Amino acid sequence: MSQNKAQETPVCCCVDVGTIMDNTDSVATWSRVFDSKAEAEQMRESLEAKARAVESEPCQITSSMQDEAGGVRLDMQFVFSCQAESLIFQLGLR
């Protein structure tokens, strides 16, 4: 019967989570042009609901709509209490 021993092997692309998420970037931004103001408002409400589902403390949400040639631009900014929430929110949009 052979005995196997676990051996440590270096893993490529392995980094400490603290080097990726240092809690300095808790802001997510989002922007898109819609055909109508109604579509932009519907998306604003949807994004606000998604942010509220992720937040542990109240997320500061600001939004603005501007008329542009061909539609309405919706710009939004989400300031979460920590970077992990911002990342979870952004990954949920994909």
Protein backbone atom coordinates (compact mmCIF):
# COMPACT_ATOMS: atom_id res chain seq x y z
CA MET A 1 0.00 0.00 0.00
CA SER A 2 1.48 3.35 -0.94
CA GLN A 3 1.36 6.35 1.29
CA ASN A 4 0.57 9.75 -0.19
CA LYS A 5 1.67 12.91 1.51
CA ALA A 6 0.14 16.27 0.80
CA GLN A 7 2.68 18.58 -0.70
CA GLU A 8 2.42 22.29 -0.94
CA THR A 9 2.66 23.56 -4.47
CA PRO A 10 2.80 27.16 -5.55
CA VAL A 11 -0.42 28.26 -7.21
CA CYS A 12 -0.40 30.72 -10.06
CA CYS A 13 -2.47 33.90 -9.63
CA CYS A 14 -3.05 33.37 -5.94
CA VAL A 15 -3.31 36.61 -3.95
CA ASP A 16 -4.47 37.65 -0.53
CA VAL A 17 -8.00 39.08 -0.55
CA GLY A 18 -6.68 42.15 1.29
CA THR A 19 -4.64 43.12 -1.75
CA ILE A 20 -7.76 43.21 -3.93
CA MET A 21 -10.31 44.56 -1.47
CA ASP A 22 -8.72 47.15 0.78
CA ASN A 23 -12.06 48.90 1.52
CA THR A 24 -11.02 52.10 -0.27
CA ASP A 25 -13.48 51.81 -3.18
CA SER A 26 -17.04 51.58 -1.90
CA VAL A 27 -18.54 53.64 -4.74
CA ALA A 28 -20.28 52.19 -7.79
CA THR A 29 -21.37 54.32 -10.74
CA TRP A 30 -23.78 53.48 -13.53
CA SER A 31 -24.84 55.34 -16.69
CA ARG A 32 -27.00 54.59 -19.73
CA VAL A 33 -29.13 56.36 -22.34
CA PHE A 34 -32.78 55.29 -22.64
CA ASP A 35 -35.36 55.95 -25.32
CA SER A 36 -37.78 57.52 -22.84
CA LYS A 37 -37.89 59.04 -19.38
CA ALA A 38 -40.30 56.31 -18.27
CA GLU A 39 -37.74 53.61 -19.14
CA ALA A 40 -35.03 55.53 -17.27
CA GLU A 41 -37.22 55.88 -14.19
CA GLN A 42 -38.06 52.18 -14.26
CA MET A 43 -34.36 51.29 -14.38
CA ARG A 44 -33.58 53.78 -11.58
CA GLU A 45 -36.15 52.07 -9.35
CA SER A 46 -34.77 48.64 -10.23
CA LEU A 47 -31.18 49.64 -9.45
CA GLU A 48 -32.21 51.27 -6.19
CA ALA A 49 -33.97 48.05 -5.15
CA LYS A 50 -30.86 46.00 -6.00
CA ALA A 51 -28.67 48.32 -3.94
CA ARG A 52 -31.07 48.15 -1.00
CA ALA A 53 -30.95 44.34 -1.16
CA VAL A 54 -27.14 44.41 -0.79
CA GLU A 55 -26.68 47.16 1.80
CA SER A 56 -25.94 46.47 5.46
CA GLU A 57 -26.14 50.17 6.29
CA PRO A 58 -28.06 52.71 4.20
CA CYS A 59 -26.49 53.15 0.77
CA GLN A 60 -26.28 56.76 -0.40
CA ILE A 61 -27.84 56.85 -3.85
CA THR A 62 -27.82 59.85 -6.15
CA SER A 63 -29.26 59.97 -9.63
CA SER A 64 -29.79 62.45 -12.41
CA MET A 65 -31.53 62.38 -15.77
CA GLN A 66 -30.57 64.56 -18.70
CA ASP A 67 -32.20 64.87 -22.10
CA GLU A 68 -29.83 63.96 -24.90
CA ALA A 69 -30.14 63.56 -28.62
CA GLY A 70 -31.91 60.25 -29.01
CA GLY A 71 -33.07 59.80 -25.43
CA VAL A 72 -32.60 60.38 -21.73
CA ARG A 73 -29.31 59.72 -19.92
CA LEU A 74 -29.58 58.21 -16.45
CA ASP A 75 -26.49 58.63 -14.26
CA MET A 76 -26.38 57.01 -10.83
CA GLN A 77 -23.90 56.79 -8.01
CA PHE A 78 -24.07 54.31 -5.13
CA VAL A 79 -21.96 54.83 -2.00
CA PHE A 80 -21.96 51.64 0.06
CA SER A 81 -20.64 51.26 3.60
CA CYS A 82 -17.89 48.89 2.42
CA GLN A 83 -16.17 47.71 -0.72
CA ALA A 84 -17.58 44.19 -0.50
CA GLU A 85 -21.14 45.51 -0.85
CA SER A 86 -20.11 47.62 -3.85
CA LEU A 87 -18.52 44.59 -5.48
CA ILE A 88 -21.54 42.35 -4.79
CA PHE A 89 -23.82 45.01 -6.26
CA GLN A 90 -21.71 45.40 -9.40
CA LEU A 91 -21.41 41.65 -9.93
CA GLY A 92 -25.19 41.37 -9.57
CA LEU A 93 -25.62 43.74 -12.51
CA ARG A 94 -23.76 41.43 -14.90
